[in-house]
C-alpha atoms as a PDB file:
ATOM      1  CA  UNK A   1     102.580  -4.558  27.130  1.00  0.00           C
ATOM      2  CA  UNK A   2     101.734  -3.976  30.764  1.00  0.00           C
ATOM      3  CA  UNK A   3      98.099  -4.701  29.998  1.00  0.00           C
ATOM      4  CA  UNK A   4      99.024  -7.782  28.084  1.00  0.00           C
ATOM      5  CA  UNK A   5     101.198  -9.049  30.992  1.00  0.00           C
ATOM      6  CA  UNK A   6      98.262  -8.426  33.362  1.00  0.00           C
ATOM      7  CA  UNK A   7      95.985 -10.322  31.150  1.00  0.00           C
ATOM      8  CA  UNK A   8      98.485 -13.112  30.820  1.00  0.00           C
ATOM      9  CA  UNK A   9      98.525 -13.374  34.662  1.00  0.00           C
ATOM     10  CA  UNK A  10      94.754 -13.519  34.713  1.00  0.00           C
ATOM     11  CA  UNK A  11      94.849 -16.325  32.270  1.00  0.00           C
ATOM     12  CA  UNK A  12      97.242 -18.454  34.300  1.00  0.00           C
ATOM     13  CA  UNK A  13      95.119 -17.930  37.281  1.00  0.00           C
ATOM     14  CA  UNK A  14      92.021 -19.004  35.353  1.00  0.00           C
ATOM     15  CA  UNK A  15      93.918 -21.918  34.004  1.00  0.00           C
ATOM     16  CA  UNK A  16      95.026 -22.942  37.563  1.00  0.00           C
ATOM     17  CA  UNK A  17      91.536 -22.932  38.780  1.00  0.00           C
ATOM     18  CA  UNK A  18      90.219 -24.902  35.840  1.00  0.00           C
ATOM     19  CA  UNK A  19      93.095 -27.422  36.196  1.00  0.00           C
ATOM     20  CA  UNK A  20      92.219 -27.746  39.946  1.00  0.00           C
ATOM     21  CA  UNK A  21      88.567 -28.226  39.098  1.00  0.00           C
ATOM     22  CA  UNK A  22      88.490 -29.970  35.794  1.00  0.00           C
ATOM     23  CA  UNK A  23      84.748 -30.771  36.178  1.00  0.00           C
ATOM     24  CA  UNK A  24      84.189 -27.084  35.097  1.00  0.00           C
ATOM     25  CA  UNK A  25      85.132 -28.150  31.662  1.00  0.00           C
ATOM     26  CA  UNK A  26      81.933 -30.243  31.534  1.00  0.00           C
ATOM     27  CA  UNK A  27      79.814 -27.071  31.212  1.00  0.00           C
ATOM     28  CA  UNK A  28      81.048 -25.965  27.744  1.00  0.00           C
ATOM     29  CA  UNK A  29      81.347 -29.550  26.628  1.00  0.00           C
ATOM     30  CA  UNK A  30      77.741 -30.380  27.550  1.00  0.00           C
ATOM     31  CA  UNK A  31      76.680 -26.987  26.212  1.00  0.00           C
ATOM     32  CA  UNK A  32      78.257 -27.762  22.716  1.00  0.00           C
ATOM     33  CA  UNK A  33      76.719 -31.200  22.666  1.00  0.00           C
ATOM     34  CA  UNK A  34      73.290 -29.861  23.709  1.00  0.00           C
ATOM     35  CA  UNK A  35      73.549 -27.078  21.034  1.00  0.00           C
ATOM     36  CA  UNK A  36      74.065 -29.667  18.316  1.00  0.00           C
ATOM     37  CA  UNK A  37      70.789 -31.389  18.881  1.00  0.00           C
ATOM     38  CA  UNK A  38      68.497 -28.448  17.756  1.00  0.00           C
ATOM     39  CA  UNK A  39      70.895 -27.718  14.921  1.00  0.00           C
ATOM     40  CA  UNK A  40      70.506 -31.252  13.647  1.00  0.00           C
ATOM     41  CA  UNK A  41      66.815 -31.548  14.384  1.00  0.00           C
ATOM     42  CA  UNK A  42      65.674 -28.153  13.077  1.00  0.00           C
ATOM     43  CA  UNK A  43      68.631 -26.518  11.347  1.00  0.00           C
ATOM     44  CA  UNK A  44      69.556 -29.277   8.911  1.00  0.00           C
ATOM     45  CA  UNK A  45      66.019 -29.893   7.688  1.00  0.00           C
ATOM     46  CA  UNK A  46      65.506 -26.193   7.403  1.00  0.00           C
ATOM     47  CA  UNK A  47      68.550 -25.947   5.057  1.00  0.00           C
ATOM     48  CA  UNK A  48      67.335 -28.894   3.213  1.00  0.00           C
ATOM     49  CA  UNK A  49      64.039 -27.319   2.437  1.00  0.00           C
ATOM     50  CA  UNK A  50      65.620 -24.098   1.333  1.00  0.00           C
ATOM     51  CA  UNK A  51      68.183 -25.742  -0.884  1.00  0.00           C
ATOM     52  CA  UNK A  52      66.251 -28.491  -2.473  1.00  0.00           C
ATOM     53  CA  UNK A  53      62.611 -27.853  -2.122  1.00  0.00           C
ATOM     54  CA  UNK A  54      62.489 -24.168  -2.684  1.00  0.00           C
ATOM     55  CA  UNK A  55      60.507 -23.749   0.578  1.00  0.00           C
ATOM     56  CA  UNK A  56      62.274 -20.504   1.700  1.00  0.00           C
ATOM     57  CA  UNK A  57      59.789 -19.485   4.401  1.00  0.00           C
ATOM     58  CA  UNK A  58      59.429 -22.811   6.058  1.00  0.00           C
ATOM     59  CA  UNK A  59      63.182 -23.535   5.822  1.00  0.00           C
ATOM     60  CA  UNK A  60      64.143 -20.244   7.217  1.00  0.00           C
ATOM     61  CA  UNK A  61      61.747 -20.694  10.059  1.00  0.00           C
ATOM     62  CA  UNK A  62      63.061 -24.197  10.904  1.00  0.00           C
ATOM     63  CA  UNK A  63      66.657 -22.798  10.772  1.00  0.00           C
ATOM     64  CA  UNK A  64      65.951 -19.939  13.038  1.00  0.00           C
ATOM     65  CA  UNK A  65      64.363 -22.248  15.505  1.00  0.00           C
ATOM     66  CA  UNK A  66      67.442 -24.521  15.536  1.00  0.00           C
ATOM     67  CA  UNK A  67      69.805 -21.638  15.944  1.00  0.00           C
ATOM     68  CA  UNK A  68      67.656 -20.216  18.782  1.00  0.00           C
ATOM     69  CA  UNK A  69      67.616 -23.310  20.829  1.00  0.00           C
ATOM     70  CA  UNK A  70      71.389 -23.932  20.140  1.00  0.00           C
ATOM     71  CA  UNK A  71      72.164 -20.516  21.481  1.00  0.00           C
ATOM     72  CA  UNK A  72      69.792 -21.045  24.389  1.00  0.00           C
ATOM     73  CA  UNK A  73      71.601 -24.324  25.317  1.00  0.00           C
ATOM     74  CA  UNK A  74      75.019 -22.673  25.062  1.00  0.00           C
ATOM     75  CA  UNK A  75      73.924 -19.826  27.452  1.00  0.00           C
ATOM     76  CA  UNK A  76      72.253 -22.302  29.681  1.00  0.00           C
ATOM     77  CA  UNK A  77      75.421 -24.102  30.468  1.00  0.00           C
ATOM     78  CA  UNK A  78      77.562 -20.838  30.475  1.00  0.00           C
ATOM     79  CA  UNK A  79      75.310 -19.465  33.290  1.00  0.00           C
ATOM     80  CA  UNK A  80      75.873 -22.748  35.120  1.00  0.00           C
ATOM     81  CA  UNK A  81      79.600 -22.441  34.677  1.00  0.00           C
ATOM     82  CA  UNK A  82      79.576 -18.895  36.120  1.00  0.00           C
ATOM     83  CA  UNK A  83      77.589 -19.995  39.144  1.00  0.00           C
ATOM     84  CA  UNK A  84      79.916 -23.050  39.785  1.00  0.00           C
ATOM     85  CA  UNK A  85      82.981 -20.945  39.372  1.00  0.00           C
ATOM     86  CA  UNK A  86      81.687 -18.340  41.792  1.00  0.00           C
ATOM     87  CA  UNK A  87      80.987 -21.138  44.353  1.00  0.00           C
ATOM     88  CA  UNK A  88      84.535 -22.324  43.999  1.00  0.00           C
ATOM     89  CA  UNK A  89      85.907 -18.868  44.293  1.00  0.00           C
ATOM     90  CA  UNK A  90      84.215 -18.542  47.610  1.00  0.00           C
ATOM     91  CA  UNK A  91      85.338 -21.879  49.000  1.00  0.00           C
ATOM     92  CA  UNK A  92      82.038 -23.662  48.442  1.00  0.00           C
ATOM     93  CA  UNK A  93      81.776 -27.063  46.742  1.00  0.00           C
ATOM     94  CA  UNK A  94      80.315 -26.802  43.318  1.00  0.00           C
ATOM     95  CA  UNK A  95      79.178 -29.605  41.020  1.00  0.00           C
ATOM     96  CA  UNK A  96      77.509 -29.619  37.731  1.00  0.00           C
ATOM     97  CA  UNK A  97      74.126 -30.036  39.223  1.00  0.00           C
ATOM     98  CA  UNK A  98      74.808 -26.987  41.515  1.00  0.00           C
ATOM     99  CA  UNK A  99      75.560 -24.755  38.499  1.00  0.00           C
ATOM    100  CA  UNK A 100      72.581 -26.049  36.512  1.00  0.00           C
ATOM    101  CA  UNK A 101      70.324 -25.375  39.424  1.00  0.00           C
ATOM    102  CA  UNK A 102      71.082 -21.710  38.976  1.00  0.00           C
ATOM    103  CA  UNK A 103      70.590 -22.045  35.210  1.00  0.00           C
ATOM    104  CA  UNK A 104      67.102 -23.478  35.853  1.00  0.00           C
ATOM    105  CA  UNK A 105      66.258 -20.538  38.113  1.00  0.00           C
ATOM    106  CA  UNK A 106      67.195 -18.116  35.385  1.00  0.00           C
ATOM    107  CA  UNK A 107      65.321 -19.803  32.421  1.00  0.00           C
ATOM    108  CA  UNK A 108      63.360 -16.687  31.568  1.00  0.00           C
ATOM    109  CA  UNK A 109      66.455 -14.498  31.538  1.00  0.00           C
ATOM    110  CA  UNK A 110      68.367 -16.997  29.491  1.00  0.00           C
ATOM    111  CA  UNK A 111      65.459 -17.370  27.071  1.00  0.00           C
ATOM    112  CA  UNK A 112      65.289 -13.582  26.488  1.00  0.00           C
ATOM    113  CA  UNK A 113      69.056 -13.323  26.096  1.00  0.00           C
ATOM    114  CA  UNK A 114      69.022 -16.010  23.498  1.00  0.00           C
ATOM    115  CA  UNK A 115      66.363 -14.254  21.559  1.00  0.00           C
ATOM    116  CA  UNK A 116      68.295 -10.936  21.710  1.00  0.00           C
ATOM    117  CA  UNK A 117      71.429 -12.841  20.456  1.00  0.00           C
ATOM    118  CA  UNK A 118      69.564 -14.294  17.494  1.00  0.00           C
ATOM    119  CA  UNK A 119      68.119 -10.888  16.508  1.00  0.00           C
ATOM    120  CA  UNK A 120      71.497  -9.215  16.837  1.00  0.00           C
ATOM    121  CA  UNK A 121      73.195 -12.015  14.824  1.00  0.00           C
ATOM    122  CA  UNK A 122      70.532 -11.568  12.074  1.00  0.00           C
ATOM    123  CA  UNK A 123      71.121  -7.815  11.970  1.00  0.00           C
ATOM    124  CA  UNK A 124      74.897  -8.300  11.701  1.00  0.00           C
ATOM    125  CA  UNK A 125      74.349 -10.748   8.890  1.00  0.00           C
ATOM    126  CA  UNK A 126      72.080  -8.285   7.082  1.00  0.00           C
ATOM    127  CA  UNK A 127      74.947  -5.752   7.165  1.00  0.00           C
ATOM    128  CA  UNK A 128      76.832  -7.923   4.718  1.00  0.00           C
ATOM    129  CA  UNK A 129      74.388  -6.907   1.999  1.00  0.00           C
ATOM    130  CA  UNK A 130      75.514  -3.311   2.223  1.00  0.00           C
ATOM    131  CA  UNK A 131      77.790  -2.868  -0.818  1.00  0.00           C
ATOM    132  CA  UNK A 132      81.384  -2.057  -0.065  1.00  0.00           C
ATOM    133  CA  UNK A 133      81.272  -1.151   3.586  1.00  0.00           C
ATOM    134  CA  UNK A 134      79.038  -4.027   4.841  1.00  0.00           C
ATOM    135  CA  UNK A 135      81.765  -6.398   5.992  1.00  0.00           C
ATOM    136  CA  UNK A 136      83.625  -3.506   7.751  1.00  0.00           C
ATOM    137  CA  UNK A 137      80.537  -2.403   9.443  1.00  0.00           C
ATOM    138  CA  UNK A 138      79.692  -5.922  10.532  1.00  0.00           C
ATOM    139  CA  UNK A 139      83.160  -6.528  11.972  1.00  0.00           C
ATOM    140  CA  UNK A 140      83.141  -3.228  13.850  1.00  0.00           C
ATOM    141  CA  UNK A 141      79.759  -3.676  15.338  1.00  0.00           C
ATOM    142  CA  UNK A 142      80.322  -7.309  16.143  1.00  0.00           C
ATOM    143  CA  UNK A 143      83.356  -6.441  18.107  1.00  0.00           C
ATOM    144  CA  UNK A 144      81.620  -3.610  19.902  1.00  0.00           C
ATOM    145  CA  UNK A 145      78.788  -5.869  20.859  1.00  0.00           C
ATOM    146  CA  UNK A 146      80.980  -8.613  22.118  1.00  0.00           C
ATOM    147  CA  UNK A 147      82.810  -6.074  24.363  1.00  0.00           C
ATOM    148  CA  UNK A 148      79.765  -4.407  25.889  1.00  0.00           C
ATOM    149  CA  UNK A 149      78.100  -7.666  26.490  1.00  0.00           C
ATOM    150  CA  UNK A 150      81.292  -9.425  27.871  1.00  0.00           C
ATOM    151  CA  UNK A 151      79.690  -9.580  31.415  1.00  0.00           C
ATOM    152  CA  UNK A 152      76.192 -10.572  30.227  1.00  0.00           C
ATOM    153  CA  UNK A 153      76.511 -14.173  31.505  1.00  0.00           C
ATOM    154  CA  UNK A 154      77.628 -13.211  35.031  1.00  0.00           C
ATOM    155  CA  UNK A 155      74.940 -10.512  35.192  1.00  0.00           C
ATOM    156  CA  UNK A 156      72.228 -13.023  34.260  1.00  0.00           C
ATOM    157  CA  UNK A 157      73.646 -15.708  36.558  1.00  0.00           C
ATOM    158  CA  UNK A 158      73.965 -13.400  39.706  1.00  0.00           C
ATOM    159  CA  UNK A 159      71.329 -10.735  39.016  1.00  0.00           C
ATOM    160  CA  UNK A 160      68.747 -12.598  36.903  1.00  0.00           C
ATOM    161  CA  UNK A 161      68.018  -9.513  34.818  1.00  0.00           C
ATOM    162  CA  UNK A 162      66.041  -9.459  31.530  1.00  0.00           C
ATOM    163  CA  UNK A 163      67.820  -8.812  28.212  1.00  0.00           C
ATOM    164  CA  UNK A 164      67.481  -5.125  27.980  1.00  0.00           C
ATOM    165  CA  UNK A 165      68.706  -4.558  31.577  1.00  0.00           C
ATOM    166  CA  UNK A 166      71.481  -7.186  30.964  1.00  0.00           C
ATOM    167  CA  UNK A 167      72.756  -5.132  28.120  1.00  0.00           C
ATOM    168  CA  UNK A 168      72.712  -1.869  30.105  1.00  0.00           C
ATOM    169  CA  UNK A 169      74.267  -3.383  33.108  1.00  0.00           C
ATOM    170  CA  UNK A 170      77.077  -5.125  31.119  1.00  0.00           C
ATOM    171  CA  UNK A 171      77.580  -1.933  29.088  1.00  0.00           C
ATOM    172  CA  UNK A 172      77.823   0.012  32.227  1.00  0.00           C
ATOM    173  CA  UNK A 173      80.485  -2.169  33.622  1.00  0.00           C
ATOM    174  CA  UNK A 174      82.349  -2.166  30.291  1.00  0.00           C
ATOM    175  CA  UNK A 175      82.427   1.610  30.081  1.00  0.00           C
ATOM    176  CA  UNK A 176      84.057   1.865  33.499  1.00  0.00           C
ATOM    177  CA  UNK A 177      86.258  -1.241  33.168  1.00  0.00           C
ATOM    178  CA  UNK A 178      87.290  -1.152  29.597  1.00  0.00           C
ATOM    179  CA  UNK A 179      90.987  -2.262  29.999  1.00  0.00           C
ATOM    180  CA  UNK A 180      90.528  -5.450  31.910  1.00  0.00           C
ATOM    181  CA  UNK A 181      87.823  -6.845  29.543  1.00  0.00           C
ATOM    182  CA  UNK A 182      89.714  -6.219  26.399  1.00  0.00           C
ATOM    183  CA  UNK A 183      93.028  -7.410  27.783  1.00  0.00           C
ATOM    184  CA  UNK A 184      92.032 -10.597  29.580  1.00  0.00           C
ATOM    185  CA  UNK A 185      89.625 -11.814  27.068  1.00  0.00           C
ATOM    186  CA  UNK A 186      91.920 -11.165  24.217  1.00  0.00           C
ATOM    187  CA  UNK A 187      94.729 -12.781  26.009  1.00  0.00           C
ATOM    188  CA  UNK A 188      92.862 -15.981  26.813  1.00  0.00           C
ATOM    189  CA  UNK A 189      91.724 -16.357  23.111  1.00  0.00           C
ATOM    190  CA  UNK A 190      95.112 -15.525  21.837  1.00  0.00           C
ATOM    191  CA  UNK A 191      97.066 -17.913  24.061  1.00  0.00           C
ATOM    192  CA  UNK A 192      94.755 -20.806  23.432  1.00  0.00           C
ATOM    193  CA  UNK A 193      94.751 -19.983  19.724  1.00  0.00           C
ATOM    194  CA  UNK A 194      98.570 -20.099  19.608  1.00  0.00           C
ATOM    195  CA  UNK A 195      98.942 -23.180  21.873  1.00  0.00           C
ATOM    196  CA  UNK A 196      95.957 -25.271  20.658  1.00  0.00           C
ATOM    197  CA  UNK A 197      93.925 -24.019  17.793  1.00  0.00           C
ATOM    198  CA  UNK A 198      96.798 -23.101  15.441  1.00  0.00           C
ATOM    199  CA  UNK A 199      98.573 -26.526  15.810  1.00  0.00           C
ATOM    200  CA  UNK A 200      95.278 -28.251  15.538  1.00  0.00           C
ATOM    201  CA  UNK A 201      94.689 -26.468  12.311  1.00  0.00           C
ATOM    202  CA  UNK A 202      98.074 -27.295  10.880  1.00  0.00           C
ATOM    203  CA  UNK A 203      97.857 -30.956  11.882  1.00  0.00           C
ATOM    204  CA  UNK A 204      94.309 -31.112  10.425  1.00  0.00           C
ATOM    205  CA  UNK A 205      95.427 -29.444   7.229  1.00  0.00           C
ATOM    206  CA  UNK A 206      98.290 -31.814   6.749  1.00  0.00           C
ATOM    207  CA  UNK A 207      95.884 -34.708   7.322  1.00  0.00           C
ATOM    208  CA  UNK A 208      93.483 -33.497   4.735  1.00  0.00           C
ATOM    209  CA  UNK A 209      96.344 -33.083   2.204  1.00  0.00           C
ATOM    210  CA  UNK A 210      97.472 -36.642   2.751  1.00  0.00           C
ATOM    211  CA  UNK A 211      93.919 -37.973   2.896  1.00  0.00           C
ATOM    212  CA  UNK A 212      92.906 -36.590  -0.577  1.00  0.00           C
ATOM    213  CA  UNK A 213      96.392 -37.251  -2.053  1.00  0.00           C
ATOM    214  CA  UNK A 214      96.792 -39.996  -4.697  1.00  0.00           C
ATOM    215  CA  UNK A 215      99.330 -41.756  -2.337  1.00  0.00           C
ATOM    216  CA  UNK A 216      99.137 -45.330  -1.034  1.00  0.00           C
ATOM    217  CA  UNK A 217      96.848 -46.639   1.533  1.00  0.00           C
ATOM    218  CA  UNK A 218      99.168 -45.866   4.429  1.00  0.00           C
ATOM    219  CA  UNK A 219      99.366 -42.218   3.529  1.00  0.00           C
ATOM    220  CA  UNK A 220      95.570 -42.016   3.477  1.00  0.00           C
ATOM    221  CA  UNK A 221      95.270 -43.761   6.723  1.00  0.00           C
ATOM    222  CA  UNK A 222      97.835 -41.411   8.337  1.00  0.00           C
ATOM    223  CA  UNK A 223      95.927 -38.392   6.845  1.00  0.00           C
ATOM    224  CA  UNK A 224      92.613 -39.652   8.354  1.00  0.00           C
ATOM    225  CA  UNK A 225      94.376 -40.051  11.796  1.00  0.00           C
ATOM    226  CA  UNK A 226      95.931 -36.561  11.646  1.00  0.00           C
ATOM    227  CA  UNK A 227      92.438 -35.063  10.643  1.00  0.00           C
ATOM    228  CA  UNK A 228      90.878 -36.814  13.700  1.00  0.00           C
ATOM    229  CA  UNK A 229      93.576 -35.500  15.946  1.00  0.00           C
ATOM    230  CA  UNK A 230      93.299 -31.962  14.517  1.00  0.00           C
ATOM    231  CA  UNK A 231      89.591 -31.985  14.997  1.00  0.00           C
ATOM    232  CA  UNK A 232      89.776 -33.219  18.533  1.00  0.00           C
ATOM    233  CA  UNK A 233      92.527 -30.763  19.482  1.00  0.00           C
ATOM    234  CA  UNK A 234      90.495 -27.881  17.921  1.00  0.00           C
ATOM    235  CA  UNK A 235      87.374 -28.848  19.833  1.00  0.00           C
ATOM    236  CA  UNK A 236      89.257 -29.188  23.125  1.00  0.00           C
ATOM    237  CA  UNK A 237      90.870 -25.575  22.507  1.00  0.00           C
ATOM    238  CA  UNK A 238      87.548 -24.072  21.904  1.00  0.00           C
ATOM    239  CA  UNK A 239      86.141 -25.664  25.075  1.00  0.00           C
ATOM    240  CA  UNK A 240      89.093 -24.320  26.940  1.00  0.00           C
ATOM    241  CA  UNK A 241      88.478 -20.849  25.677  1.00  0.00           C
ATOM    242  CA  UNK A 242      84.888 -21.041  26.689  1.00  0.00           C
ATOM    243  CA  UNK A 243      85.796 -22.387  30.184  1.00  0.00           C
ATOM    244  CA  UNK A 244      88.705 -19.935  30.821  1.00  0.00           C
ATOM    245  CA  UNK A 245      86.635 -16.949  29.500  1.00  0.00           C
ATOM    246  CA  UNK A 246      83.768 -17.842  31.799  1.00  0.00           C
ATOM    247  CA  UNK A 247      86.016 -18.241  34.864  1.00  0.00           C
ATOM    248  CA  UNK A 248      87.803 -14.825  34.130  1.00  0.00           C
ATOM    249  CA  UNK A 249      84.324 -13.086  33.550  1.00  0.00           C
ATOM    250  CA  UNK A 250      83.161 -14.189  36.993  1.00  0.00           C
ATOM    251  CA  UNK A 251      86.323 -12.860  38.667  1.00  0.00           C
ATOM    252  CA  UNK A 252      86.120  -9.627  36.779  1.00  0.00           C
ATOM    253  CA  UNK A 253      82.437  -9.271  37.525  1.00  0.00           C
ATOM    254  CA  UNK A 254      83.012  -9.698  41.287  1.00  0.00           C
ATOM    255  CA  UNK A 255      85.771  -7.261  41.401  1.00  0.00           C
ATOM    256  CA  UNK A 256      84.065  -4.748  39.250  1.00  0.00           C
ATOM    257  CA  UNK A 257      80.712  -4.808  41.251  1.00  0.00           C
ATOM    258  CA  UNK A 258      81.741  -5.542  44.711  1.00  0.00           C
ATOM    259  CA  UNK A 259      85.513  -5.043  44.951  1.00  0.00           C
ATOM    260  CA  UNK A 260      85.914  -8.811  45.899  1.00  0.00           C
ATOM    261  CA  UNK A 261      89.295 -10.327  45.100  1.00  0.00           C
ATOM    262  CA  UNK A 262      88.483 -13.998  44.430  1.00  0.00           C
ATOM    263  CA  UNK A 263      89.784 -17.084  42.640  1.00  0.00           C
ATOM    264  CA  UNK A 264      93.371 -16.853  43.793  1.00  0.00           C
ATOM    265  CA  UNK A 265      93.886 -13.522  42.078  1.00  0.00           C
ATOM    266  CA  UNK A 266      95.621 -10.692  43.809  1.00  0.00           C
ATOM    267  CA  UNK A 267      94.236  -7.126  44.110  1.00  0.00           C
ATOM    268  CA  UNK A 268      97.199  -5.799  42.265  1.00  0.00           C
ATOM    269  CA  UNK A 269      96.572  -8.159  39.365  1.00  0.00           C
ATOM    270  CA  UNK A 270      92.918  -7.310  39.127  1.00  0.00           C
ATOM    271  CA  UNK A 271      93.671  -3.591  39.575  1.00  0.00           C
ATOM    272  CA  UNK A 272      96.153  -3.671  36.696  1.00  0.00           C
ATOM    273  CA  UNK A 273      93.594  -5.284  34.459  1.00  0.00           C
ATOM    274  CA  UNK A 274      90.429  -3.561  35.634  1.00  0.00           C
ATOM    275  CA  UNK A 275      91.141   0.119  35.453  1.00  0.00           C
ATOM    276  CA  UNK A 276      88.486   2.942  35.373  1.00  0.00           C
ATOM    277  CA  UNK A 277      88.653   5.124  32.237  1.00  0.00           C
END
């Protein structure tokens, strides 16, 4: 419970910084929009070729290209968010262009990391084909991968390392700072899920039930409105998770690597959440 309370305090501080600098939310928003473009341009035609034309090789190639550039776009804006958050932590003005300037300087590192992410994702998907234990292995390995690469984005943003070095660097920080990464990240996701995603899912589900019912026109209209509200609330919740996790990751990275206490956090709070094994 002490670790959970520490993670909750970190979440509140991250939210306070985001509320004071709402422009940071533009990074995950623009990242999500940018990721949709290659998915639509390459991914959808690829799935169409696979499903209707029987062109498996060409379809898979297009789908992989779409996924790669979508992941690249997501990390591009995540690196920008990390850079902008770090500027704000240190009392420097930070805008969208300031953050993306750092992203542009890390294009090679981001491209390499996106490639690794696609390869790892494909490997995890292949685990599903292992009869019986496949889903369990995938869940375990996916969790382990997400933990040891928790600081990958700050490492890329501030150190500009290649994909292999990034994995090693993030894993080293993870091994020595296990508690903070698990507690803080899980708390951020859990709180936003309970406060935002869960209600959004309930509202959207109620809307779908009304929309597809055999009721009158008013019920169908209300259902459509509820579905729209649920989708918007769900998207906003996901954007908040990305933004808050990014802010928390930068604060944790600075404290783990330099001992800096930034972002309005106290040393006791960071000590309680970042504890050597």
